Amino acid sequence: MPITNQQVAGHVFLRQMYGDSYFPDHLVDRGRAILLRLCERIEAEQPSNLGALYALTQAATEEFNSLEAEFEAAGSEIETVAREVIAEDFWSVASAYGFTDADVEELIATRDW
């Protein structure tokens, strides 16, 4: 399902992570795919309130949690820079879909990183 939200479609997810060789591109690609799937779910399910949005973002956060071990196996980790970049992109997604009052910490409340 193609993304219809033009703000999201034109956004380069995890840009700073791609620009840093510490983060393996193939794993950053998987993180980008998680965010794109989140956008597809938001468009398909059209959450009507923050609670419904948080359920979707926290499920996506769980997917990032699963990637942590793979980053570590590749000699990397989801550390401070990555955490901030990922959190910022979650907020960008929420904002693009009209949830400008979303709390970034609540968006990623289930994170282990």
C-alpha atoms as a PDB file:
ATOM      1  CA  MET A   1       0.000   0.000   0.000  1.00  0.00           C
ATOM      2  CA  PRO A   2       1.642   3.262  -1.077  1.00  0.00           C
ATOM      3  CA  ILE A   3       1.827   6.107   1.434  1.00  0.00           C
ATOM      4  CA  THR A   4      -0.637   8.856   0.494  1.00  0.00           C
ATOM      5  CA  ASN A   5       0.461  11.480   3.038  1.00  0.00           C
ATOM      6  CA  GLN A   6       2.816  13.683   1.022  1.00  0.00           C
ATOM      7  CA  GLN A   7       4.619  14.982   4.101  1.00  0.00           C
ATOM      8  CA  VAL A   8       5.545  11.412   5.064  1.00  0.00           C
ATOM      9  CA  ALA A   9       6.202  10.274   1.490  1.00  0.00           C
ATOM     10  CA  GLY A  10       8.826  13.004   1.107  1.00  0.00           C
ATOM     11  CA  HIS A  11      10.492  12.401   4.482  1.00  0.00           C
ATOM     12  CA  VAL A  12      13.857  10.648   4.674  1.00  0.00           C
ATOM     13  CA  PHE A  13      13.536   8.458   7.743  1.00  0.00           C
ATOM     14  CA  LEU A  14      16.589   7.893   9.973  1.00  0.00           C
ATOM     15  CA  ARG A  15      18.696  10.262   7.854  1.00  0.00           C
ATOM     16  CA  GLN A  16      21.333  10.842  10.553  1.00  0.00           C
ATOM     17  CA  MET A  17      21.754   7.113  11.097  1.00  0.00           C
ATOM     18  CA  TYR A  18      22.371   6.563   7.385  1.00  0.00           C
ATOM     19  CA  GLY A  19      25.009   9.276   7.543  1.00  0.00           C
ATOM     20  CA  ASP A  20      26.942   7.544  10.331  1.00  0.00           C
ATOM     21  CA  SER A  21      28.942   4.423   9.473  1.00  0.00           C
ATOM     22  CA  TYR A  22      28.495   3.184  13.069  1.00  0.00           C
ATOM     23  CA  PHE A  23      24.987   2.104  12.071  1.00  0.00           C
ATOM     24  CA  PRO A  24      24.911  -0.677   9.439  1.00  0.00           C
ATOM     25  CA  ASP A  25      22.779   0.445   6.505  1.00  0.00           C
ATOM     26  CA  HIS A  26      20.996  -2.905   6.195  1.00  0.00           C
ATOM     27  CA  LEU A  27      19.746  -2.534   9.791  1.00  0.00           C
ATOM     28  CA  VAL A  28      18.853   1.126   9.326  1.00  0.00           C
ATOM     29  CA  ASP A  29      16.891  -0.029   6.256  1.00  0.00           C
ATOM     30  CA  ARG A  30      14.925  -2.361   8.523  1.00  0.00           C
ATOM     31  CA  GLY A  31      14.225   0.521  10.917  1.00  0.00           C
ATOM     32  CA  ARG A  32      13.057   2.649   8.001  1.00  0.00           C
ATOM     33  CA  ALA A  33      10.745  -0.190   6.936  1.00  0.00           C
ATOM     34  CA  ILE A  34       9.247  -0.279  10.445  1.00  0.00           C
ATOM     35  CA  LEU A  35       8.435   3.416  10.218  1.00  0.00           C
ATOM     36  CA  LEU A  36       6.942   3.044   6.747  1.00  0.00           C
ATOM     37  CA  ARG A  37       4.764   0.150   7.929  1.00  0.00           C
ATOM     38  CA  LEU A  38       3.646   2.358  10.807  1.00  0.00           C
ATOM     39  CA  CYS A  39       2.573   5.013   8.306  1.00  0.00           C
ATOM     40  CA  GLU A  40       0.705   2.408   6.270  1.00  0.00           C
ATOM     41  CA  ARG A  41      -1.108   1.189   9.403  1.00  0.00           C
ATOM     42  CA  ILE A  42      -2.034   4.742  10.379  1.00  0.00           C
ATOM     43  CA  GLU A  43      -3.454   5.349   6.913  1.00  0.00           C
ATOM     44  CA  ALA A  44      -5.320   2.026   6.896  1.00  0.00           C
ATOM     45  CA  GLU A  45      -6.662   2.159  10.455  1.00  0.00           C
ATOM     46  CA  GLN A  46      -7.049   5.941  10.785  1.00  0.00           C
ATOM     47  CA  PRO A  47      -6.713   6.186  14.567  1.00  0.00           C
ATOM     48  CA  SER A  48      -9.250   8.643  15.911  1.00  0.00           C
ATOM     49  CA  ASN A  49      -7.458   9.594  19.114  1.00  0.00           C
ATOM     50  CA  LEU A  50      -4.072   9.551  20.808  1.00  0.00           C
ATOM     51  CA  GLY A  51      -4.747   6.245  22.563  1.00  0.00           C
ATOM     52  CA  ALA A  52      -5.295   4.509  19.245  1.00  0.00           C
ATOM     53  CA  LEU A  53      -2.209   6.174  17.775  1.00  0.00           C
ATOM     54  CA  TYR A  54      -0.091   5.168  20.773  1.00  0.00           C
ATOM     55  CA  ALA A  55      -1.159   1.545  20.319  1.00  0.00           C
ATOM     56  CA  LEU A  56       0.193   1.650  16.760  1.00  0.00           C
ATOM     57  CA  THR A  57       3.417   3.491  17.590  1.00  0.00           C
ATOM     58  CA  GLN A  58       4.166   1.287  20.562  1.00  0.00           C
ATOM     59  CA  ALA A  59       3.742  -1.828  18.404  1.00  0.00           C
ATOM     60  CA  ALA A  60       6.263  -0.325  15.966  1.00  0.00           C
ATOM     61  CA  THR A  61       8.550   0.443  18.906  1.00  0.00           C
ATOM     62  CA  GLU A  62       8.436  -3.250  19.837  1.00  0.00           C
ATOM     63  CA  GLU A  63       9.761  -3.984  16.348  1.00  0.00           C
ATOM     64  CA  PHE A  64      12.687  -1.622  17.005  1.00  0.00           C
ATOM     65  CA  ASN A  65      13.267  -3.468  20.292  1.00  0.00           C
ATOM     66  CA  SER A  66      13.727  -6.654  18.266  1.00  0.00           C
ATOM     67  CA  LEU A  67      16.366  -4.949  16.125  1.00  0.00           C
ATOM     68  CA  GLU A  68      18.564  -4.029  19.098  1.00  0.00           C
ATOM     69  CA  ALA A  69      20.209  -7.476  19.282  1.00  0.00           C
ATOM     70  CA  GLU A  70      20.995  -7.339  15.571  1.00  0.00           C
ATOM     71  CA  PHE A  71      22.628  -3.929  15.959  1.00  0.00           C
ATOM     72  CA  GLU A  72      24.723  -5.323  18.816  1.00  0.00           C
ATOM     73  CA  ALA A  73      25.704  -8.389  16.769  1.00  0.00           C
ATOM     74  CA  ALA A  74      26.900  -6.017  14.040  1.00  0.00           C
ATOM     75  CA  GLY A  75      29.069  -4.058  16.503  1.00  0.00           C
ATOM     76  CA  SER A  76      26.600  -1.217  16.869  1.00  0.00           C
ATOM     77  CA  GLU A  77      23.707  -0.361  19.153  1.00  0.00           C
ATOM     78  CA  ILE A  78      20.673   1.848  19.427  1.00  0.00           C
ATOM     79  CA  GLU A  79      22.433   4.415  21.582  1.00  0.00           C
ATOM     80  CA  THR A  80      21.831   8.083  22.368  1.00  0.00           C
ATOM     81  CA  VAL A  81      22.064   9.456  18.831  1.00  0.00           C
ATOM     82  CA  ALA A  82      19.957   6.645  17.394  1.00  0.00           C
ATOM     83  CA  ARG A  83      17.365   6.948  20.172  1.00  0.00           C
ATOM     84  CA  GLU A  84      16.924  10.631  19.456  1.00  0.00           C
ATOM     85  CA  VAL A  85      16.731  10.133  15.692  1.00  0.00           C
ATOM     86  CA  ILE A  86      14.184   7.327  16.016  1.00  0.00           C
ATOM     87  CA  ALA A  87      12.090   9.262  18.552  1.00  0.00           C
ATOM     88  CA  GLU A  88      12.142  12.348  16.325  1.00  0.00           C
ATOM     89  CA  ASP A  89      10.906  10.316  13.368  1.00  0.00           C
ATOM     90  CA  PHE A  90       8.096   8.803  15.441  1.00  0.00           C
ATOM     91  CA  TRP A  91       7.044  12.347  16.371  1.00  0.00           C
ATOM     92  CA  SER A  92       7.321  13.443  12.730  1.00  0.00           C
ATOM     93  CA  VAL A  93       4.962  10.638  11.740  1.00  0.00           C
ATOM     94  CA  ALA A  94       2.466  11.537  14.469  1.00  0.00           C
ATOM     95  CA  SER A  95       2.613  15.193  13.508  1.00  0.00           C
ATOM     96  CA  ALA A  96       2.206  14.478   9.794  1.00  0.00           C
ATOM     97  CA  TYR A  97      -1.028  12.635  10.545  1.00  0.00           C
ATOM     98  CA  GLY A  98      -2.413  15.490  12.627  1.00  0.00           C
ATOM     99  CA  PHE A  99      -1.404  14.334  16.104  1.00  0.00           C
ATOM    100  CA  THR A 100       0.703  17.390  16.923  1.00  0.00           C
ATOM    101  CA  ASP A 101      -0.149  17.061  20.613  1.00  0.00           C
ATOM    102  CA  ALA A 102       1.343  13.551  20.842  1.00  0.00           C
ATOM    103  CA  ASP A 103       3.865  12.996  23.623  1.00  0.00           C
ATOM    104  CA  VAL A 104       7.048  11.600  22.092  1.00  0.00           C
ATOM    105  CA  GLU A 105       7.810   9.562  25.216  1.00  0.00           C
ATOM    106  CA  GLU A 106       4.366   7.976  25.035  1.00  0.00           C
ATOM    107  CA  LEU A 107       4.789   7.259  21.320  1.00  0.00           C
ATOM    108  CA  ILE A 108       7.815   5.065  22.132  1.00  0.00           C
ATOM    109  CA  ALA A 109       6.895   4.097  25.703  1.00  0.00           C
ATOM    110  CA  THR A 110       7.569   0.392  25.103  1.00  0.00           C
ATOM    111  CA  ARG A 111      11.181   0.924  24.033  1.00  0.00           C
ATOM    112  CA  ASP A 112      14.064  -1.076  25.483  1.00  0.00           C
ATOM    113  CA  TRP A 113      16.710   1.167  23.947  1.00  0.00           C
END
